[in-house]
Amino acid sequence: MPTPMPSEDDIRQKCEAFLQSLGVPAFLVFGWEKEEGEYGMVSSYHEMPANAVVKGMTWALTDIVNKTM
């Protein structure tokens, strides 16, 4: 029997626990394929100022766009 897909809340909680375990201010954006052609995405940050998260996400998005287009 296949393992059931975790919910977005479960994945977000695991991401938050991971960031806390690092012991440093950090953020991440995590994406995964739920089913064929359907994707989930969560973001999480730990002890990061909102402006730093926005700057980092903007950089990441720009990097992805520049590499794929």
C-alpha atoms as a PDB file:
ATOM      1  CA  MET A   1       0.000   0.000   0.000  1.00  0.00           C
ATOM      2  CA  PRO A   2       1.497   3.391  -0.971  1.00  0.00           C
ATOM      3  CA  THR A   3       2.322   5.916   1.719  1.00  0.00           C
ATOM      4  CA  PRO A   4      -0.347   8.634   1.894  1.00  0.00           C
ATOM      5  CA  MET A   5       0.677  12.110   0.779  1.00  0.00           C
ATOM      6  CA  PRO A   6       1.264  14.428   3.770  1.00  0.00           C
ATOM      7  CA  SER A   7      -0.906  17.540   3.942  1.00  0.00           C
ATOM      8  CA  GLU A   8       0.491  21.014   3.249  1.00  0.00           C
ATOM      9  CA  ASP A   9       0.167  21.748   6.982  1.00  0.00           C
ATOM     10  CA  ASP A  10       2.250  18.650   7.815  1.00  0.00           C
ATOM     11  CA  ILE A  11       4.944  19.673   5.350  1.00  0.00           C
ATOM     12  CA  ARG A  12       4.955  23.276   6.618  1.00  0.00           C
ATOM     13  CA  GLN A  13       5.356  22.028  10.212  1.00  0.00           C
ATOM     14  CA  LYS A  14       8.290  19.817   9.175  1.00  0.00           C
ATOM     15  CA  CYS A  15       9.911  22.735   7.350  1.00  0.00           C
ATOM     16  CA  GLU A  16       9.483  24.941  10.422  1.00  0.00           C
ATOM     17  CA  ALA A  17      10.938  22.250  12.690  1.00  0.00           C
ATOM     18  CA  PHE A  18      13.902  21.867  10.324  1.00  0.00           C
ATOM     19  CA  LEU A  19      14.590  25.607  10.337  1.00  0.00           C
ATOM     20  CA  GLN A  20      14.379  25.740  14.132  1.00  0.00           C
ATOM     21  CA  SER A  21      16.783  22.791  14.402  1.00  0.00           C
ATOM     22  CA  LEU A  22      19.428  24.724  12.439  1.00  0.00           C
ATOM     23  CA  GLY A  23      19.629  27.302  15.201  1.00  0.00           C
ATOM     24  CA  VAL A  24      20.195  30.204  12.808  1.00  0.00           C
ATOM     25  CA  PRO A  25      17.845  32.737  11.240  1.00  0.00           C
ATOM     26  CA  ALA A  26      16.711  31.170   7.975  1.00  0.00           C
ATOM     27  CA  PHE A  27      13.908  30.790   5.454  1.00  0.00           C
ATOM     28  CA  LEU A  28      12.986  28.322   2.767  1.00  0.00           C
ATOM     29  CA  VAL A  29      10.508  27.735   0.000  1.00  0.00           C
ATOM     30  CA  PHE A  30       9.680  24.078  -0.570  1.00  0.00           C
ATOM     31  CA  GLY A  31       7.783  22.693  -3.540  1.00  0.00           C
ATOM     32  CA  TRP A  32       6.793  19.137  -4.415  1.00  0.00           C
ATOM     33  CA  GLU A  33       4.679  17.222  -6.890  1.00  0.00           C
ATOM     34  CA  LYS A  34       1.445  16.051  -5.286  1.00  0.00           C
ATOM     35  CA  GLU A  35       0.115  14.180  -8.278  1.00  0.00           C
ATOM     36  CA  GLU A  36       1.041  14.291 -11.915  1.00  0.00           C
ATOM     37  CA  GLY A  37       0.771  17.919 -12.954  1.00  0.00           C
ATOM     38  CA  GLU A  38      -0.330  19.110  -9.495  1.00  0.00           C
ATOM     39  CA  TYR A  39       2.146  20.826  -7.209  1.00  0.00           C
ATOM     40  CA  GLY A  40       2.239  22.041  -3.650  1.00  0.00           C
ATOM     41  CA  MET A  41       4.378  24.792  -2.218  1.00  0.00           C
ATOM     42  CA  VAL A  42       5.017  26.122   1.264  1.00  0.00           C
ATOM     43  CA  SER A  43       7.302  28.776   2.632  1.00  0.00           C
ATOM     44  CA  SER A  44       8.573  29.132   6.150  1.00  0.00           C
ATOM     45  CA  TYR A  45      10.916  31.406   8.005  1.00  0.00           C
ATOM     46  CA  HIS A  46      12.513  31.350  11.430  1.00  0.00           C
ATOM     47  CA  GLU A  47      13.767  34.509  13.145  1.00  0.00           C
ATOM     48  CA  MET A  48      14.182  36.328   9.813  1.00  0.00           C
ATOM     49  CA  PRO A  49      12.979  39.880   9.285  1.00  0.00           C
ATOM     50  CA  ALA A  50      10.222  40.033   6.670  1.00  0.00           C
ATOM     51  CA  ASN A  51      12.244  42.360   4.428  1.00  0.00           C
ATOM     52  CA  ALA A  52      15.118  39.837   4.325  1.00  0.00           C
ATOM     53  CA  VAL A  53      12.697  37.028   3.403  1.00  0.00           C
ATOM     54  CA  VAL A  54      11.179  39.122   0.612  1.00  0.00           C
ATOM     55  CA  LYS A  55      14.653  40.007  -0.697  1.00  0.00           C
ATOM     56  CA  GLY A  56      15.693  36.348  -0.662  1.00  0.00           C
ATOM     57  CA  MET A  57      12.498  35.152  -2.345  1.00  0.00           C
ATOM     58  CA  THR A  58      12.861  37.855  -4.996  1.00  0.00           C
ATOM     59  CA  TRP A  59      16.424  36.744  -5.668  1.00  0.00           C
ATOM     60  CA  ALA A  60      15.360  33.089  -5.889  1.00  0.00           C
ATOM     61  CA  LEU A  61      12.492  33.853  -8.271  1.00  0.00           C
ATOM     62  CA  THR A  62      14.745  35.975 -10.479  1.00  0.00           C
ATOM     63  CA  ASP A  63      17.346  33.213 -10.526  1.00  0.00           C
ATOM     64  CA  ILE A  64      14.763  30.583 -11.512  1.00  0.00           C
ATOM     65  CA  VAL A  65      13.292  32.763 -14.272  1.00  0.00           C
ATOM     66  CA  ASN A  66      16.739  33.596 -15.673  1.00  0.00           C
ATOM     67  CA  LYS A  67      17.753  29.928 -15.755  1.00  0.00           C
ATOM     68  CA  THR A  68      14.568  28.634 -17.375  1.00  0.00           C
ATOM     69  CA  MET A  69      13.713  31.317 -19.924  1.00  0.00           C
END
